[in-house]
Structures are given as structure tokens and as C-alpha cells.
Amino acid sequence: DTGLHASIAGTVSLDRSCEPPRLSVSALTAPSEPAAAPPTVGDIVTCRVIRINPRLASLEILCVAGVPLREPCGGLLRREDVREFERDAVLMRDSCRPGDIVQ
């Protein structure tokens, strides 16, 4: 994947008047707009990896069902949940790194 990923969800704008051109992202939600409720079991979430240890990754949940949270909340990705086969052979350091965005 050679795409560019922003650390916030929002509208992309490209300013070609600078050299090199500048790409910026404006946040989707304004303070007056409702934000997503905290996640519940079964929700699809978008997260940023914060820390990794051999058994799990600590996450910061950013969006629930595509709707950004006002404030990120914490989450965990266990080694057993990374894939459906050979779960005991998963190495967290090979699966993700701090700063990665996962869904």
C-alpha cells in the first residue's frame, strides 16, 4: 500500500502554490457536532498502535463505525486475535508497529 494516511479523519485539501505542494486534513467534527459513542462489543473501530509487547498491542481507539470519537479511548489487540490460524506463532513485533493505524 503506497497511500498516504492521516492521523485524523477529515477533509483533504491540496495547496499547489507552495513548493513542494502542501497536503492538509481538516477535522470532520466540530465541537457542536455529535461524535460517536464509545465502542461496544462487535463494533468496527479504527485505532492507532501506541505500544507493543510480546503478548499484546496497546491501542488508541479513534473512530467507531467510521465516526470519530471526541477523545480517543484505550484498547488492546491480543496476539491471539491477530489472525485465525497458527495463533500461537504470531509475533506482535512483526504484525504491527507503534504509530500504525489498524481496523
Protein backbone atom coordinates (compact mmCIF):
# COMPACT_ATOMS: atom_id res chain seq x y z
CA ASP A 1 0.00 0.00 0.00
CA THR A 2 1.60 3.26 -1.11
CA GLY A 3 -1.25 5.53 0.03
CA LEU A 4 -0.93 8.41 2.44
CA HIS A 5 -2.72 8.02 5.78
CA ALA A 6 -3.67 10.95 8.02
CA SER A 7 -3.72 10.69 11.81
CA ILE A 8 -7.11 12.47 11.88
CA ALA A 9 -10.28 11.89 9.88
CA GLY A 10 -11.46 14.80 7.77
CA THR A 11 -11.48 16.69 4.51
CA VAL A 12 -8.28 16.70 2.44
CA SER A 13 -7.05 19.87 0.74
CA LEU A 14 -4.06 20.30 -1.55
CA ASP A 15 -2.22 23.65 -1.79
CA ARG A 16 -0.21 23.65 -5.04
CA SER A 17 1.00 27.25 -4.56
CA CYS A 18 3.87 26.02 -2.32
CA GLU A 19 6.89 24.05 -3.41
CA PRO A 20 6.58 21.17 -2.65
CA PRO A 21 2.74 21.13 -2.67
CA ARG A 22 1.19 21.01 0.83
CA LEU A 23 -1.48 18.48 1.79
CA SER A 24 -3.63 19.15 4.86
CA VAL A 25 -6.58 17.48 6.59
CA SER A 26 -9.34 19.44 8.35
CA ALA A 27 -11.08 17.51 11.15
CA LEU A 28 -14.55 16.17 10.34
CA THR A 29 -16.30 17.03 13.58
CA ALA A 30 -16.73 20.49 15.01
CA PRO A 31 -17.30 20.88 18.76
CA SER A 32 -21.04 21.37 18.15
CA GLU A 33 -21.43 18.17 16.10
CA PRO A 34 -22.23 14.87 17.81
CA ALA A 35 -19.40 12.37 17.96
CA ALA A 36 -19.51 8.58 18.10
CA ALA A 37 -20.46 6.82 21.30
CA PRO A 38 -17.76 4.70 22.96
CA PRO A 39 -17.42 1.31 21.25
CA THR A 40 -19.31 -1.81 22.27
CA VAL A 41 -18.52 -5.45 21.56
CA GLY A 42 -18.77 -6.16 17.84
CA ASP A 43 -18.23 -2.56 16.65
CA ILE A 44 -15.70 -1.94 13.87
CA VAL A 45 -13.14 0.55 15.15
CA THR A 46 -10.15 2.41 13.73
CA CYS A 47 -7.17 2.56 16.09
CA ARG A 48 -3.59 3.77 16.38
CA VAL A 49 -0.99 1.41 17.88
CA ILE A 50 0.63 3.03 20.93
CA ARG A 51 2.84 0.30 22.47
CA ILE A 52 3.74 -3.30 21.71
CA ASN A 53 4.86 -6.13 23.94
CA PRO A 54 5.21 -9.84 23.06
CA ARG A 55 1.60 -10.69 24.05
CA LEU A 56 -0.41 -7.63 23.00
CA ALA A 57 -0.53 -4.16 21.47
CA SER A 58 -1.96 -1.15 23.31
CA LEU A 59 -4.26 0.88 21.08
CA GLU A 60 -5.88 4.30 20.98
CA ILE A 61 -9.40 3.97 19.51
CA LEU A 62 -10.00 6.92 17.15
CA CYS A 63 -13.24 6.05 15.29
CA VAL A 64 -16.25 3.80 15.85
CA ALA A 65 -18.05 2.63 12.69
CA GLY A 66 -16.26 5.39 10.74
CA VAL A 67 -17.37 8.18 13.10
CA PRO A 68 -14.53 9.92 15.01
CA LEU A 69 -14.56 9.99 18.81
CA ARG A 70 -14.23 13.38 20.54
CA GLU A 71 -11.47 11.89 22.69
CA PRO A 72 -9.64 8.65 21.92
CA CYS A 73 -10.19 5.74 24.29
CA GLY A 74 -7.92 2.81 25.03
CA GLY A 75 -7.99 -0.70 23.66
CA LEU A 76 -5.92 -3.88 23.40
CA LEU A 77 -5.09 -6.18 20.50
CA ARG A 78 -4.13 -9.60 21.82
CA ARG A 79 -1.72 -11.85 19.98
CA GLU A 80 -4.48 -14.48 19.66
CA ASP A 81 -6.71 -12.01 17.79
CA VAL A 82 -4.24 -11.01 15.05
CA ARG A 83 -5.13 -13.93 12.76
CA GLU A 84 -7.34 -17.02 12.71
CA PHE A 85 -4.63 -19.66 12.06
CA GLU A 86 -1.42 -20.52 13.93
CA ARG A 87 -2.36 -18.06 16.67
CA ASP A 88 0.45 -19.22 18.93
CA ALA A 89 3.06 -18.44 16.23
CA VAL A 90 2.14 -14.72 15.93
CA LEU A 91 4.93 -12.27 16.79
CA MET A 92 3.45 -8.87 17.68
CA ARG A 93 6.63 -7.03 16.62
CA ASP A 94 6.18 -8.47 13.10
CA SER A 95 2.43 -7.73 12.97
CA CYS A 96 2.34 -4.01 13.78
CA ARG A 97 4.48 -1.09 14.99
CA PRO A 98 3.76 1.95 17.17
CA GLY A 99 2.02 4.57 15.04
CA ASP A 100 0.31 2.05 12.72
CA ILE A 101 -3.39 2.54 12.03
CA VAL A 102 -5.43 -0.67 12.29
CA GLN A 103 -9.08 -1.52 11.85
